[in-house]
Every structure is written in structure tokens, then in C-alpha cells.
Amino acid sequence: MDKKFLSTTEVALFLGISRQAVFKKIKAGEIKARKIGRNFVIDRKDLSEIVGKVLNQKQKLEIQESVDKTVREYGETLKLLGRE
């Protein structure tokens, strides 16, 4: 069964950051969370929004440029590896 909410630990693992970093992002309003008892939970439907905030526009551009460069320089090799 798919859970509707994720724990701070699950979100931290998914984002590749510490639980403390998740708490800081919640406190800063970067991650929407609901407090249930003593714990925060994050709605699964908000996950795509959270992921979009993890990378800023400059980082996305750098990644795209790196991918383009790799494809330009190693495109034929990548095609051959894809056939194996």
C-alpha cells in the first residue's frame, strides 16, 4: 500500500541530505510539512515540488551542459554500450 505521508527520515534519504537538513528546510518554509504528535510528516504529493527546490536553476543548467558535453564527446561509445 502506498503511504500518503513520508517521514523526515524518508525524505532525507530520498533527497540525499541529513534529517537535520530536512528540519531546517521545514523551519525555513522550503518544505511543507504537517506536525502529527511530536513528528513532522511530508505529504507524498508535495515531493515533486520539494525535489524541484533542491536544485536551483544554475545547478540544472550545469547538469544539462555536462550531459550535452558527455553526449557530444562520447555519444558513439554510449550507443555501443547501450546495445550490450
Protein backbone atom coordinates (compact mmCIF):
# COMPACT_ATOMS: atom_id res chain seq x y z
CA MET A 1 0.00 0.00 0.00
CA ASP A 2 1.32 3.43 -0.95
CA LYS A 3 1.74 5.73 2.02
CA LYS A 4 0.23 9.21 1.80
CA PHE A 5 2.83 10.76 4.09
CA LEU A 6 6.60 10.42 4.35
CA SER A 7 8.69 10.77 7.48
CA THR A 8 11.55 13.24 7.71
CA THR A 9 13.93 10.28 7.58
CA GLU A 10 12.41 9.01 4.33
CA VAL A 11 12.57 12.48 2.76
CA ALA A 12 16.19 12.87 3.89
CA LEU A 13 17.13 9.55 2.28
CA PHE A 14 15.30 10.43 -0.91
CA LEU A 15 16.99 13.85 -1.19
CA GLY A 16 20.40 12.61 -0.08
CA ILE A 17 20.60 15.05 2.81
CA SER A 18 20.59 14.69 6.59
CA ARG A 19 17.46 14.65 8.73
CA GLN A 20 18.68 17.87 10.34
CA ALA A 21 18.82 19.49 6.89
CA VAL A 22 15.20 18.42 6.32
CA PHE A 23 14.20 20.03 9.64
CA LYS A 24 15.99 23.25 8.65
CA LYS A 25 14.16 23.29 5.32
CA ILE A 26 10.85 22.75 7.11
CA LYS A 27 11.61 25.59 9.51
CA ALA A 28 12.64 27.85 6.61
CA GLY A 29 9.40 27.03 4.76
CA GLU A 30 11.21 25.30 1.91
CA ILE A 31 9.45 22.01 2.66
CA LYS A 32 5.76 21.90 3.55
CA ALA A 33 5.21 19.60 6.49
CA ARG A 34 2.47 18.77 8.95
CA LYS A 35 3.12 18.05 12.60
CA ILE A 36 1.46 14.91 13.89
CA GLY A 37 2.17 14.47 17.57
CA ARG A 38 5.86 15.10 18.03
CA ASN A 39 6.81 14.27 14.45
CA PHE A 40 6.70 16.07 11.14
CA VAL A 41 5.33 14.32 8.06
CA ILE A 42 5.52 15.39 4.43
CA ASP A 43 2.68 14.72 2.01
CA ARG A 44 3.86 12.49 -0.83
CA LYS A 45 2.15 14.75 -3.41
CA ASP A 46 4.48 17.60 -2.36
CA LEU A 47 7.59 15.54 -3.10
CA SER A 48 7.97 16.71 -6.71
CA GLU A 49 7.83 20.32 -5.54
CA ILE A 50 10.49 19.59 -2.92
CA VAL A 51 12.77 17.93 -5.45
CA GLY A 52 12.42 20.94 -7.74
CA LYS A 53 13.61 23.18 -4.95
CA VAL A 54 16.66 21.10 -4.18
CA LEU A 55 18.34 22.04 -7.46
CA ASN A 56 18.41 25.70 -8.36
CA GLN A 57 18.35 26.93 -11.95
CA LYS A 58 22.13 27.35 -12.13
CA GLN A 59 22.66 23.76 -10.98
CA LYS A 60 20.16 22.47 -13.53
CA LEU A 61 21.96 24.40 -16.29
CA GLU A 62 25.35 23.00 -15.20
CA ILE A 63 23.95 19.47 -15.26
CA GLN A 64 22.44 19.98 -18.71
CA GLU A 65 25.73 21.36 -20.05
CA SER A 66 27.60 18.37 -18.62
CA VAL A 67 25.15 15.93 -20.19
CA ASP A 68 25.40 17.70 -23.55
CA LYS A 69 29.22 17.64 -23.40
CA THR A 70 29.23 13.94 -22.50
CA VAL A 71 26.89 13.06 -25.36
CA ARG A 72 28.97 15.16 -27.78
CA GLU A 73 32.27 13.58 -26.76
CA TYR A 74 31.16 10.01 -26.02
CA GLY A 75 27.94 9.63 -27.98
CA GLU A 76 29.12 6.75 -30.15
CA THR A 77 30.58 4.91 -27.16
CA LEU A 78 27.34 5.36 -25.23
CA LYS A 79 25.37 3.94 -28.17
CA LEU A 80 27.63 0.90 -28.31
CA LEU A 81 27.34 0.35 -24.56
CA GLY A 82 23.56 0.62 -24.82
CA ARG A 83 23.50 -2.32 -27.21
CA GLU A 84 25.21 -4.68 -24.76
